[in-house]
Amino acid sequence: MKSLSSILATAIAGFLLSSGVALAQGAATGPADPKQQATQQRAPAAEKLDINSASAEDLEKLEGIGPARAAAIVKGRPYKGKDDLVRRKIVPQSVYDKISDRIIAKQK
C-alpha cells in the first residue's frame, strides 16, 4: 500500500511539474510587448473612402450619411481636405467625428 501511495504521489508531482513547465513555455512564446499584441489582434483596416470620387451609394454606407447628405457631398466636389465637409457645412461636426477615420479627400 505504501508503494502504491508513493508511486501515485510521484506521478502527480511529475504531472504538476511538467504542466507548469509547459505553461511557462507557452507564456514565453507570446508577444512580450502589449502594443505588438494589440497590433496582431486588430483586423486589417478597411480602405478609406475618397469623398472626391465615391458614389452616393458608397457614401450612404457611412454612419450618419443618408441620401440627402450623400447628394450634398457629391454636389460640393472637389474637396481639398476631408475637413471641408464641416467647414462648408455639408455635415455636422458630430457626423464628421464618426466618419473622419474612414474617409479621405484625394487630389487629382
PDB file of N, CA and C in Angstrom:
ATOM      1  N   MET A   1       0.809  -1.185   0.000  1.00  0.00           N
ATOM      2  CA  MET A   1       0.000   0.000   0.000  1.00  0.00           C
ATOM      3  C   MET A   1       0.855   1.253   0.000  1.00  0.00           C
ATOM      4  N   LYS A   2       1.974   1.200   0.770  1.00  0.00           N
ATOM      5  CA  LYS A   2       2.872   2.353   0.800  1.00  0.00           C
ATOM      6  C   LYS A   2       3.477   2.589  -0.571  1.00  0.00           C
ATOM      7  N   SER A   3       3.831   1.526  -1.266  1.00  0.00           N
ATOM      8  CA  SER A   3       4.451   1.694  -2.580  1.00  0.00           C
ATOM      9  C   SER A   3       3.461   2.279  -3.575  1.00  0.00           C
ATOM     10  N   LEU A   4       2.202   1.896  -3.498  1.00  0.00           N
ATOM     11  CA  LEU A   4       1.181   2.453  -4.377  1.00  0.00           C
ATOM     12  C   LEU A   4       0.988   3.940  -4.088  1.00  0.00           C
ATOM     13  N   SER A   5       0.983   4.323  -2.831  1.00  0.00           N
ATOM     14  CA  SER A   5       0.847   5.730  -2.450  1.00  0.00           C
ATOM     15  C   SER A   5       2.040   6.543  -2.929  1.00  0.00           C
ATOM     16  N   SER A   6       3.239   5.999  -2.786  1.00  0.00           N
ATOM     17  CA  SER A   6       4.423   6.741  -3.222  1.00  0.00           C
ATOM     18  C   SER A   6       4.483   6.832  -4.740  1.00  0.00           C
ATOM     19  N   ILE A   7       4.051   5.804  -5.453  1.00  0.00           N
ATOM     20  CA  ILE A   7       4.020   5.855  -6.924  1.00  0.00           C
ATOM     21  C   ILE A   7       3.001   6.897  -7.373  1.00  0.00           C
ATOM     22  N   LEU A   8       1.848   6.888  -6.740  1.00  0.00           N
ATOM     23  CA  LEU A   8       0.806   7.846  -7.080  1.00  0.00           C
ATOM     24  C   LEU A   8       1.256   9.277  -6.779  1.00  0.00           C
ATOM     25  N   ALA A   9       1.890   9.485  -5.637  1.00  0.00           N
ATOM     26  CA  ALA A   9       2.392  10.809  -5.276  1.00  0.00           C
ATOM     27  C   ALA A   9       3.463  11.265  -6.250  1.00  0.00           C
ATOM     28  N   THR A  10       4.345  10.368  -6.665  1.00  0.00           N
ATOM     29  CA  THR A  10       5.395  10.692  -7.630  1.00  0.00           C
ATOM     30  C   THR A  10       4.787  11.042  -8.987  1.00  0.00           C
ATOM     31  N   ALA A  11       3.770  10.291  -9.401  1.00  0.00           N
ATOM     32  CA  ALA A  11       3.119  10.550 -10.687  1.00  0.00           C
ATOM     33  C   ALA A  11       2.432  11.914 -10.680  1.00  0.00           C
ATOM     34  N   ILE A  12       1.744  12.233  -9.601  1.00  0.00           N
ATOM     35  CA  ILE A  12       1.063  13.531  -9.502  1.00  0.00           C
ATOM     36  C   ILE A  12       2.077  14.668  -9.495  1.00  0.00           C
ATOM     37  N   ALA A  13       3.153  14.500  -8.740  1.00  0.00           N
ATOM     38  CA  ALA A  13       4.191  15.532  -8.689  1.00  0.00           C
ATOM     39  C   ALA A  13       4.815  15.730 -10.065  1.00  0.00           C
ATOM     40  N   GLY A  14       5.084  14.635 -10.770  1.00  0.00           N
ATOM     41  CA  GLY A  14       5.654  14.730 -12.117  1.00  0.00           C
ATOM     42  C   GLY A  14       4.711  15.435 -13.075  1.00  0.00           C
ATOM     43  N   PHE A  15       3.418  15.110 -12.969  1.00  0.00           N
ATOM     44  CA  PHE A  15       2.427  15.755 -13.823  1.00  0.00           C
ATOM     45  C   PHE A  15       2.366  17.258 -13.558  1.00  0.00           C
ATOM     46  N   LEU A  16       2.320  17.639 -12.305  1.00  0.00           N
ATOM     47  CA  LEU A  16       2.251  19.054 -11.951  1.00  0.00           C
ATOM     48  C   LEU A  16       3.492  19.814 -12.404  1.00  0.00           C
ATOM     49  N   LEU A  17       4.651  19.206 -12.241  1.00  0.00           N
ATOM     50  CA  LEU A  17       5.888  19.860 -12.676  1.00  0.00           C
ATOM     51  C   LEU A  17       5.925  20.020 -14.190  1.00  0.00           C
ATOM     52  N   SER A  18       5.526  18.982 -14.914  1.00  0.00           N
ATOM     53  CA  SER A  18       5.581  19.066 -16.376  1.00  0.00           C
ATOM     54  C   SER A  18       4.546  20.048 -16.910  1.00  0.00           C
ATOM     55  N   SER A  19       3.373  20.122 -16.294  1.00  0.00           N
ATOM     56  CA  SER A  19       2.370  21.079 -16.767  1.00  0.00           C
ATOM     57  C   SER A  19       2.802  22.513 -16.466  1.00  0.00           C
ATOM     58  N   GLY A  20       3.487  22.724 -15.356  1.00  0.00           N
ATOM     59  CA  GLY A  20       3.999  24.059 -15.034  1.00  0.00           C
ATOM     60  C   GLY A  20       5.032  24.515 -16.037  1.00  0.00           C
ATOM     61  N   VAL A  21       5.896  23.605 -16.466  1.00  0.00           N
ATOM     62  CA  VAL A  21       6.912  23.925 -17.475  1.00  0.00           C
ATOM     63  C   VAL A  21       6.237  24.229 -18.802  1.00  0.00           C
ATOM     64  N   ALA A  22       5.228  23.447 -19.166  1.00  0.00           N
ATOM     65  CA  ALA A  22       4.520  23.677 -20.425  1.00  0.00           C
ATOM     66  C   ALA A  22       3.824  25.032 -20.414  1.00  0.00           C
ATOM     67  N   LEU A  23       3.218  25.388 -19.301  1.00  0.00           N
ATOM     68  CA  LEU A  23       2.566  26.698 -19.203  1.00  0.00           C
ATOM     69  C   LEU A  23       3.576  27.828 -19.294  1.00  0.00           C
ATOM     70  N   ALA A  24       4.708  27.657 -18.663  1.00  0.00           N
ATOM     71  CA  ALA A  24       5.747  28.687 -18.706  1.00  0.00           C
ATOM     72  C   ALA A  24       6.271  28.860 -20.123  1.00  0.00           C
ATOM     73  N   GLN A  25       6.427  27.775 -20.860  1.00  0.00           N
ATOM     74  CA  GLN A  25       6.907  27.864 -22.237  1.00  0.00           C
ATOM     75  C   GLN A  25       5.870  28.541 -23.118  1.00  0.00           C
ATOM     76  N   GLY A  26       4.600  28.242 -22.912  1.00  0.00           N
ATOM     77  CA  GLY A  26       3.537  28.874 -23.694  1.00  0.00           C
ATOM     78  C   GLY A  26       3.484  30.365 -23.452  1.00  0.00           C
ATOM     79  N   ALA A  27       3.670  30.789 -22.225  1.00  0.00           N
ATOM     80  CA  ALA A  27       3.646  32.217 -21.901  1.00  0.00           C
ATOM     81  C   ALA A  27       4.859  32.926 -22.472  1.00  0.00           C
ATOM     82  N   ALA A  28       5.990  32.243 -22.540  1.00  0.00           N
ATOM     83  CA  ALA A  28       7.216  32.868 -23.026  1.00  0.00           C
ATOM     84  C   ALA A  28       7.189  33.063 -24.536  1.00  0.00           C
ATOM     85  N   THR A  29       6.406  32.278 -25.271  1.00  0.00           N
ATOM     86  CA  THR A  29       6.408  32.387 -26.721  1.00  0.00           C
ATOM     87  C   THR A  29       5.469  33.469 -27.234  1.00  0.00           C
ATOM     88  N   GLY A  30       4.553  33.970 -26.404  1.00  0.00           N
ATOM     89  CA  GLY A  30       3.635  35.030 -26.828  1.00  0.00           C
ATOM     90  C   GLY A  30       4.352  36.358 -26.916  1.00  0.00           C
ATOM     91  N   PRO A  31       3.717  37.365 -27.547  1.00  0.00           N
ATOM     92  CA  PRO A  31       4.338  38.678 -27.655  1.00  0.00           C
ATOM     93  C   PRO A  31       4.511  39.316 -26.283  1.00  0.00           C
ATOM     94  N   ALA A  32       5.710  39.807 -26.032  1.00  0.00           N
ATOM     95  CA  ALA A  32       6.012  40.416 -24.741  1.00  0.00           C
ATOM     96  C   ALA A  32       5.516  41.856 -24.688  1.00  0.00           C
ATOM     97  N   ASP A  33       5.480  42.529 -25.822  1.00  0.00           N
ATOM     98  CA  ASP A  33       5.095  43.930 -25.890  1.00  0.00           C
ATOM     99  C   ASP A  33       3.577  44.044 -26.070  1.00  0.00           C
ATOM    100  N   PRO A  34       2.858  44.716 -25.179  1.00  0.00           N
ATOM    101  CA  PRO A  34       1.407  44.841 -25.323  1.00  0.00           C
ATOM    102  C   PRO A  34       0.994  45.534 -26.618  1.00  0.00           C
ATOM    103  N   LYS A  35       1.787  46.496 -27.087  1.00  0.00           N
ATOM    104  CA  LYS A  35       1.460  47.170 -28.348  1.00  0.00           C
ATOM    105  C   LYS A  35       1.525  46.189 -29.508  1.00  0.00           C
ATOM    106  N   GLN A  36       2.529  45.321 -29.481  1.00  0.00           N
ATOM    107  CA  GLN A  36       2.669  44.326 -30.534  1.00  0.00           C
ATOM    108  C   GLN A  36       1.482  43.374 -30.500  1.00  0.00           C
ATOM    109  N   GLN A  37       1.041  42.989 -29.318  1.00  0.00           N
ATOM    110  CA  GLN A  37      -0.086  42.093 -29.182  1.00  0.00           C
ATOM    111  C   GLN A  37      -1.355  42.754 -29.718  1.00  0.00           C
ATOM    112  N   ALA A  38      -1.567  44.015 -29.421  1.00  0.00           N
ATOM    113  CA  ALA A  38      -2.744  44.731 -29.898  1.00  0.00           C
ATOM    114  C   ALA A  38      -2.725  44.837 -31.413  1.00  0.00           C
ATOM    115  N   THR A  39      -1.561  45.059 -31.994  1.00  0.00           N
ATOM    116  CA  THR A  39      -1.437  45.151 -33.441  1.00  0.00           C
ATOM    117  C   THR A  39      -1.793  43.828 -34.095  1.00  0.00           C
ATOM    118  N   GLN A  40      -1.381  42.733 -33.505  1.00  0.00           N
ATOM    119  CA  GLN A  40      -1.665  41.421 -34.064  1.00  0.00           C
ATOM    120  C   GLN A  40      -3.146  41.090 -33.989  1.00  0.00           C
ATOM    121  N   GLN A  41      -3.869  41.615 -33.008  1.00  0.00           N
ATOM    122  CA  GLN A  41      -5.270  41.288 -32.836  1.00  0.00           C
ATOM    123  C   GLN A  41      -6.184  42.128 -33.716  1.00  0.00           C
ATOM    124  N   ARG A  42      -5.735  43.257 -34.176  1.00  0.00           N
ATOM    125  CA  ARG A  42      -6.577  44.126 -34.991  1.00  0.00           C
ATOM    126  C   ARG A  42      -6.835  43.506 -36.357  1.00  0.00           C
ATOM    127  N   ALA A  43      -8.028  43.731 -36.838  1.00  0.00           N
ATOM    128  CA  ALA A  43      -8.347  43.320 -38.196  1.00  0.00           C
ATOM    129  C   ALA A  43      -7.727  44.337 -39.145  1.00  0.00           C
ATOM    130  N   PRO A  44      -7.433  43.932 -40.365  1.00  0.00           N
ATOM    131  CA  PRO A  44      -6.865  44.892 -41.304  1.00  0.00           C
ATOM    132  C   PRO A  44      -7.838  46.047 -41.530  1.00  0.00           C
ATOM    133  N   ALA A  45      -7.307  47.230 -41.572  1.00  0.00           N
ATOM    134  CA  ALA A  45      -8.140  48.414 -41.739  1.00  0.00           C
ATOM    135  C   ALA A  45      -8.763  48.432 -43.133  1.00  0.00           C
ATOM    136  N   ALA A  46     -10.021  48.827 -43.186  1.00  0.00           N
ATOM    137  CA  ALA A  46     -10.694  48.940 -44.467  1.00  0.00           C
ATOM    138  C   ALA A  46     -10.105  50.130 -45.214  1.00  0.00           C
ATOM    139  N   GLU A  47     -10.136  50.051 -46.519  1.00  0.00           N
ATOM    140  CA  GLU A  47      -9.611  51.144 -47.325  1.00  0.00           C
ATOM    141  C   GLU A  47     -10.495  52.374 -47.132  1.00  0.00           C
ATOM    142  N   LYS A  48      -9.871  53.532 -47.050  1.00  0.00           N
ATOM    143  CA  LYS A  48     -10.627  54.768 -46.828  1.00  0.00           C
ATOM    144  C   LYS A  48     -11.402  55.141 -48.082  1.00  0.00           C
ATOM    145  N   LEU A  49     -12.556  55.742 -47.865  1.00  0.00           N
ATOM    146  CA  LEU A  49     -13.442  56.144 -48.942  1.00  0.00           C
ATOM    147  C   LEU A  49     -13.084  57.567 -49.378  1.00  0.00           C
ATOM    148  N   ASP A  50     -12.808  57.734 -50.674  1.00  0.00           N
ATOM    149  CA  ASP A  50     -12.434  59.046 -51.212  1.00  0.00           C
ATOM    150  C   ASP A  50     -13.697  59.863 -51.467  1.00  0.00           C
ATOM    151  N   ILE A  51     -13.856  60.948 -50.728  1.00  0.00           N
ATOM    152  CA  ILE A  51     -15.069  61.759 -50.874  1.00  0.00           C
ATOM    153  C   ILE A  51     -15.098  62.528 -52.194  1.00  0.00           C
ATOM    154  N   ASN A  52     -13.978  62.597 -52.901  1.00  0.00           N
ATOM    155  CA  ASN A  52     -13.942  63.271 -54.200  1.00  0.00           C
ATOM    156  C   ASN A  52     -14.327  62.354 -55.354  1.00  0.00           C
ATOM    157  N   SER A  53     -14.407  61.050 -55.124  1.00  0.00           N
ATOM    158  CA  SER A  53     -14.738  60.150 -56.228  1.00  0.00           C
ATOM    159  C   SER A  53     -15.760  59.074 -55.874  1.00  0.00           C
ATOM    160  N   ALA A  54     -16.123  58.924 -54.619  1.00  0.00           N
ATOM    161  CA  ALA A  54     -17.059  57.873 -54.208  1.00  0.00           C
ATOM    162  C   ALA A  54     -18.457  58.161 -54.735  1.00  0.00           C
ATOM    163  N   SER A  55     -19.178  57.097 -55.028  1.00  0.00           N
ATOM    164  CA  SER A  55     -20.564  57.256 -55.464  1.00  0.00           C
ATOM    165  C   SER A  55     -21.435  57.618 -54.267  1.00  0.00           C
ATOM    166  N   ALA A  56     -22.612  58.154 -54.560  1.00  0.00           N
ATOM    167  CA  ALA A  56     -23.551  58.491 -53.491  1.00  0.00           C
ATOM    168  C   ALA A  56     -23.928  57.235 -52.707  1.00  0.00           C
ATOM    169  N   GLU A  57     -24.056  56.111 -53.395  1.00  0.00           N
ATOM    170  CA  GLU A  57     -24.381  54.844 -52.720  1.00  0.00           C
ATOM    171  C   GLU A  57     -23.296  54.459 -51.727  1.00  0.00           C
ATOM    172  N   ASP A  58     -22.039  54.615 -52.128  1.00  0.00           N
ATOM    173  CA  ASP A  58     -20.935  54.287 -51.219  1.00  0.00           C
ATOM    174  C   ASP A  58     -20.911  55.238 -50.022  1.00  0.00           C
ATOM    175  N   LEU A  59     -21.176  56.506 -50.272  1.00  0.00           N
ATOM    176  CA  LEU A  59     -21.178  57.492 -49.188  1.00  0.00           C
ATOM    177  C   LEU A  59     -22.287  57.199 -48.174  1.00  0.00           C
ATOM    178  N   GLU A  60     -23.424  56.690 -48.651  1.00  0.00           N
ATOM    179  CA  GLU A  60     -24.547  56.379 -47.766  1.00  0.00           C
ATOM    180  C   GLU A  60     -24.225  55.245 -46.798  1.00  0.00           C
ATOM    181  N   LYS A  61     -23.218  54.470 -47.074  1.00  0.00           N
ATOM    182  CA  LYS A  61     -22.825  53.373 -46.178  1.00  0.00           C
ATOM    183  C   LYS A  61     -22.121  53.886 -44.924  1.00  0.00           C
ATOM    184  N   LEU A  62     -21.701  55.143 -44.947  1.00  0.00           N
ATOM    185  CA  LEU A  62     -21.057  55.747 -43.784  1.00  0.00           C
ATOM    186  C   LEU A  62     -22.109  56.097 -42.738  1.00  0.00           C
ATOM    187  N   GLU A  63     -21.747  55.959 -41.475  1.00  0.00           N
ATOM    188  CA  GLU A  63     -22.672  56.255 -40.379  1.00  0.00           C
ATOM    189  C   GLU A  63     -23.062  57.733 -40.390  1.00  0.00           C
ATOM    190  N   GLY A  64     -24.370  57.992 -40.380  1.00  0.00           N
ATOM    191  CA  GLY A  64     -24.860  59.367 -40.340  1.00  0.00           C
ATOM    192  C   GLY A  64     -25.023  60.014 -41.702  1.00  0.00           C
ATOM    193  N   ILE A  65     -24.711  59.283 -42.770  1.00  0.00           N
ATOM    194  CA  ILE A  65     -24.842  59.830 -44.126  1.00  0.00           C
ATOM    195  C   ILE A  65     -26.012  59.133 -44.812  1.00  0.00           C
ATOM    196  N   GLY A  66     -27.053  59.908 -45.073  1.00  0.00           N
ATOM    197  CA  GLY A  66     -28.211  59.396 -45.794  1.00  0.00           C
ATOM    198  C   GLY A  66     -28.185  59.905 -47.224  1.00  0.00           C
ATOM    199  N   PRO A  67     -29.268  59.688 -47.965  1.00  0.00           N
ATOM    200  CA  PRO A  67     -29.305  60.119 -49.370  1.00  0.00           C
ATOM    201  C   PRO A  67     -29.099  61.624 -49.557  1.00  0.00           C
ATOM    202  N   ALA A  68     -29.674  62.441 -48.687  1.00  0.00           N
ATOM    203  CA  ALA A  68     -29.547  63.898 -48.835  1.00  0.00           C
ATOM    204  C   ALA A  68     -28.106  64.354 -48.602  1.00  0.00           C
ATOM    205  N   ARG A  69     -27.470  63.855 -47.557  1.00  0.00           N
ATOM    206  CA  ARG A  69     -26.076  64.247 -47.286  1.00  0.00           C
ATOM    207  C   ARG A  69     -25.138  63.685 -48.347  1.00  0.00           C
ATOM    208  N   ALA A  70     -25.408  62.475 -48.809  1.00  0.00           N
ATOM    209  CA  ALA A  70     -24.566  61.896 -49.864  1.00  0.00           C
ATOM    210  C   ALA A  70     -24.650  62.747 -51.126  1.00  0.00           C
ATOM    211  N   ALA A  71     -25.860  63.176 -51.474  1.00  0.00           N
ATOM    212  CA  ALA A  71     -26.036  64.034 -52.654  1.00  0.00           C
ATOM    213  C   ALA A  71     -25.325  65.372 -52.457  1.00  0.00           C
ATOM    214  N   ALA A  72     -25.384  65.925 -51.255  1.00  0.00           N
ATOM    215  CA  ALA A  72     -24.708  67.199 -50.972  1.00  0.00           C
ATOM    216  C   ALA A  72     -23.194  67.048 -51.070  1.00  0.00           C
ATOM    217  N   ILE A  73     -22.665  65.917 -50.630  1.00  0.00           N
ATOM    218  CA  ILE A  73     -21.217  65.671 -50.725  1.00  0.00           C
ATOM    219  C   ILE A  73     -20.800  65.604 -52.187  1.00  0.00           C
ATOM    220  N   VAL A  74     -21.568  64.874 -52.992  1.00  0.00           N
ATOM    221  CA  VAL A  74     -21.250  64.755 -54.421  1.00  0.00           C
ATOM    222  C   VAL A  74     -21.343  66.125 -55.094  1.00  0.00           C
ATOM    223  N   LYS A  75     -22.375  66.894 -54.781  1.00  0.00           N
ATOM    224  CA  LYS A  75     -22.580  68.209 -55.398  1.00  0.00           C
ATOM    225  C   LYS A  75     -21.480  69.199 -55.026  1.00  0.00           C
ATOM    226  N   GLY A  76     -20.918  69.091 -53.819  1.00  0.00           N
ATOM    227  CA  GLY A  76     -19.918  70.049 -53.346  1.00  0.00           C
ATOM    228  C   GLY A  76     -18.489  69.764 -53.778  1.00  0.00           C
ATOM    229  N   ARG A  77     -18.271  68.770 -54.600  1.00  0.00           N
ATOM    230  CA  ARG A  77     -16.909  68.420 -55.030  1.00  0.00           C
ATOM    231  C   ARG A  77     -16.308  69.503 -55.896  1.00  0.00           C
ATOM    232  N   PRO A  78     -15.001  69.619 -55.911  1.00  0.00           N
ATOM    233  CA  PRO A  78     -13.966  68.842 -55.217  1.00  0.00           C
ATOM    234  C   PRO A  78     -13.683  69.417 -53.828  1.00  0.00           C
ATOM    235  N   TYR A  79     -13.105  68.567 -52.981  1.00  0.00           N
ATOM    236  CA  TYR A  79     -12.714  68.944 -51.628  1.00  0.00           C
ATOM    237  C   TYR A  79     -11.197  68.926 -51.526  1.00  0.00           C
ATOM    238  N   LYS A  80     -10.630  69.941 -50.898  1.00  0.00           N
ATOM    239  CA  LYS A  80      -9.174  69.991 -50.691  1.00  0.00           C
ATOM    240  C   LYS A  80      -8.763  69.076 -49.553  1.00  0.00           C
ATOM    241  N   GLY A  81      -9.640  68.919 -48.576  1.00  0.00           N
ATOM    242  CA  GLY A  81      -9.385  68.050 -47.429  1.00  0.00           C
ATOM    243  C   GLY A  81     -10.703  67.537 -46.896  1.00  0.00           C
ATOM    244  N   LYS A  82     -10.641  66.442 -46.153  1.00  0.00           N
ATOM    245  CA  LYS A  82     -11.888  65.870 -45.649  1.00  0.00           C
ATOM    246  C   LYS A  82     -12.591  66.794 -44.660  1.00  0.00           C
ATOM    247  N   ASP A  83     -11.837  67.678 -44.015  1.00  0.00           N
ATOM    248  CA  ASP A  83     -12.447  68.612 -43.068  1.00  0.00           C
ATOM    249  C   ASP A  83     -13.280  69.690 -43.764  1.00  0.00           C
ATOM    250  N   ASP A  84     -13.181  69.769 -45.101  1.00  0.00           N
ATOM    251  CA  ASP A  84     -14.040  70.684 -45.856  1.00  0.00           C
ATOM    252  C   ASP A  84     -15.519  70.347 -45.650  1.00  0.00           C
ATOM    253  N   LEU A  85     -15.817  69.102 -45.337  1.00  0.00           N
ATOM    254  CA  LEU A  85     -17.213  68.706 -45.130  1.00  0.00           C
ATOM    255  C   LEU A  85     -17.842  69.495 -43.985  1.00  0.00           C
ATOM    256  N   VAL A  86     -17.077  69.746 -42.943  1.00  0.00           N
ATOM    257  CA  VAL A  86     -17.582  70.520 -41.802  1.00  0.00           C
ATOM    258  C   VAL A  86     -17.462  72.011 -42.086  1.00  0.00           C
ATOM    259  N   ARG A  87     -16.329  72.411 -42.619  1.00  0.00           N
ATOM    260  CA  ARG A  87     -16.088  73.836 -42.867  1.00  0.00           C
ATOM    261  C   ARG A  87     -17.128  74.416 -43.825  1.00  0.00           C
ATOM    262  N   ARG A  88     -17.531  73.630 -44.808  1.00  0.00           N
ATOM    263  CA  ARG A  88     -18.520  74.090 -45.785  1.00  0.00           C
ATOM    264  C   ARG A  88     -19.949  73.724 -45.372  1.00  0.00           C
ATOM    265  N   LYS A  89     -20.098  73.228 -44.151  1.00  0.00           N
ATOM    266  CA  LYS A  89     -21.396  72.909 -43.541  1.00  0.00           C
ATOM    267  C   LYS A  89     -22.197  71.881 -44.338  1.00  0.00           C
ATOM    268  N   ILE A  90     -21.496  70.887 -44.855  1.00  0.00           N
ATOM    269  CA  ILE A  90     -22.162  69.797 -45.566  1.00  0.00           C
ATOM    270  C   ILE A  90     -22.581  68.710 -44.580  1.00  0.00           C
ATOM    271  N   VAL A  91     -21.753  68.471 -43.574  1.00  0.00           N
ATOM    272  CA  VAL A  91     -22.116  67.547 -42.491  1.00  0.00           C
ATOM    273  C   VAL A  91     -21.806  68.224 -41.158  1.00  0.00           C
ATOM    274  N   PRO A  92     -22.593  67.917 -40.120  1.00  0.00           N
ATOM    275  CA  PRO A  92     -22.297  68.490 -38.801  1.00  0.00           C
ATOM    276  C   PRO A  92     -21.060  67.843 -38.182  1.00  0.00           C
ATOM    277  N   GLN A  93     -20.469  68.517 -37.232  1.00  0.00           N
ATOM    278  CA  GLN A  93     -19.255  68.029 -36.569  1.00  0.00           C
ATOM    279  C   GLN A  93     -19.466  66.639 -35.965  1.00  0.00           C
ATOM    280  N   SER A  94     -20.643  66.393 -35.394  1.00  0.00           N
ATOM    281  CA  SER A  94     -20.904  65.097 -34.753  1.00  0.00           C
ATOM    282  C   SER A  94     -20.827  63.945 -35.757  1.00  0.00           C
ATOM    283  N   VAL A  95     -21.329  64.158 -36.962  1.00  0.00           N
ATOM    284  CA  VAL A  95     -21.253  63.124 -38.004  1.00  0.00           C
ATOM    285  C   VAL A  95     -19.819  63.000 -38.494  1.00  0.00           C
ATOM    286  N   TYR A  96     -19.161  64.128 -38.697  1.00  0.00           N
ATOM    287  CA  TYR A  96     -17.765  64.110 -39.149  1.00  0.00           C
ATOM    288  C   TYR A  96     -16.885  63.327 -38.180  1.00  0.00           C
ATOM    289  N   ASP A  97     -17.113  63.510 -36.889  1.00  0.00           N
ATOM    290  CA  ASP A  97     -16.319  62.793 -35.889  1.00  0.00           C
ATOM    291  C   ASP A  97     -16.474  61.279 -36.023  1.00  0.00           C
ATOM    292  N   LYS A  98     -17.647  60.826 -36.442  1.00  0.00           N
ATOM    293  CA  LYS A  98     -17.895  59.392 -36.602  1.00  0.00           C
ATOM    294  C   LYS A  98     -17.252  58.821 -37.863  1.00  0.00           C
ATOM    295  N   ILE A  99     -17.128  59.636 -38.911  1.00  0.00           N
ATOM    296  CA  ILE A  99     -16.673  59.107 -40.204  1.00  0.00           C
ATOM    297  C   ILE A  99     -15.264  59.537 -40.594  1.00  0.00           C
ATOM    298  N   SER A 100     -14.660  60.450 -39.862  1.00  0.00           N
ATOM    299  CA  SER A 100     -13.382  61.033 -40.298  1.00  0.00           C
ATOM    300  C   SER A 100     -12.271  59.998 -40.468  1.00  0.00           C
ATOM    301  N   ASP A 101     -12.303  58.930 -39.687  1.00  0.00           N
ATOM    302  CA  ASP A 101     -11.256  57.916 -39.818  1.00  0.00           C
ATOM    303  C   ASP A 101     -11.517  56.957 -40.976  1.00  0.00           C
ATOM    304  N   ARG A 102     -12.657  57.095 -41.654  1.00  0.00           N
ATOM    305  CA  ARG A 102     -12.996  56.203 -42.761  1.00  0.00           C
ATOM    306  C   ARG A 102     -13.007  56.898 -44.115  1.00  0.00           C
ATOM    307  N   ILE A 103     -12.687  58.209 -44.134  1.00  0.00           N
ATOM    308  CA  ILE A 103     -12.732  58.949 -45.396  1.00  0.00           C
ATOM    309  C   ILE A 103     -11.404  59.637 -45.670  1.00  0.00           C
ATOM    310  N   ILE A 104     -11.245  60.014 -46.939  1.00  0.00           N
ATOM    311  CA  ILE A 104     -10.061  60.744 -47.383  1.00  0.00           C
ATOM    312  C   ILE A 104     -10.491  61.629 -48.554  1.00  0.00           C
ATOM    313  N   ALA A 105      -9.765  62.701 -48.797  1.00  0.00           N
ATOM    314  CA  ALA A 105     -10.038  63.573 -49.940  1.00  0.00           C
ATOM    315  C   ALA A 105      -8.797  63.576 -50.823  1.00  0.00           C
ATOM    316  N   LYS A 106      -8.754  62.641 -51.767  1.00  0.00           N
ATOM    317  CA  LYS A 106      -7.602  62.543 -52.673  1.00  0.00           C
ATOM    318  C   LYS A 106      -7.666  63.662 -53.699  1.00  0.00           C
ATOM    319  N   GLN A 107      -6.484  64.125 -54.077  1.00  0.00           N
ATOM    320  CA  GLN A 107      -6.377  65.181 -55.083  1.00  0.00           C
ATOM    321  C   GLN A 107      -5.965  64.558 -56.412  1.00  0.00           C
ATOM    322  N   LYS A 108      -6.497  65.105 -57.500  1.00  0.00           N
ATOM    323  CA  LYS A 108      -6.140  64.582 -58.833  1.00  0.00           C
ATOM    324  C   LYS A 108      -4.846  65.164 -59.315  1.00  0.00           C
TER     325      LYS A 108
END
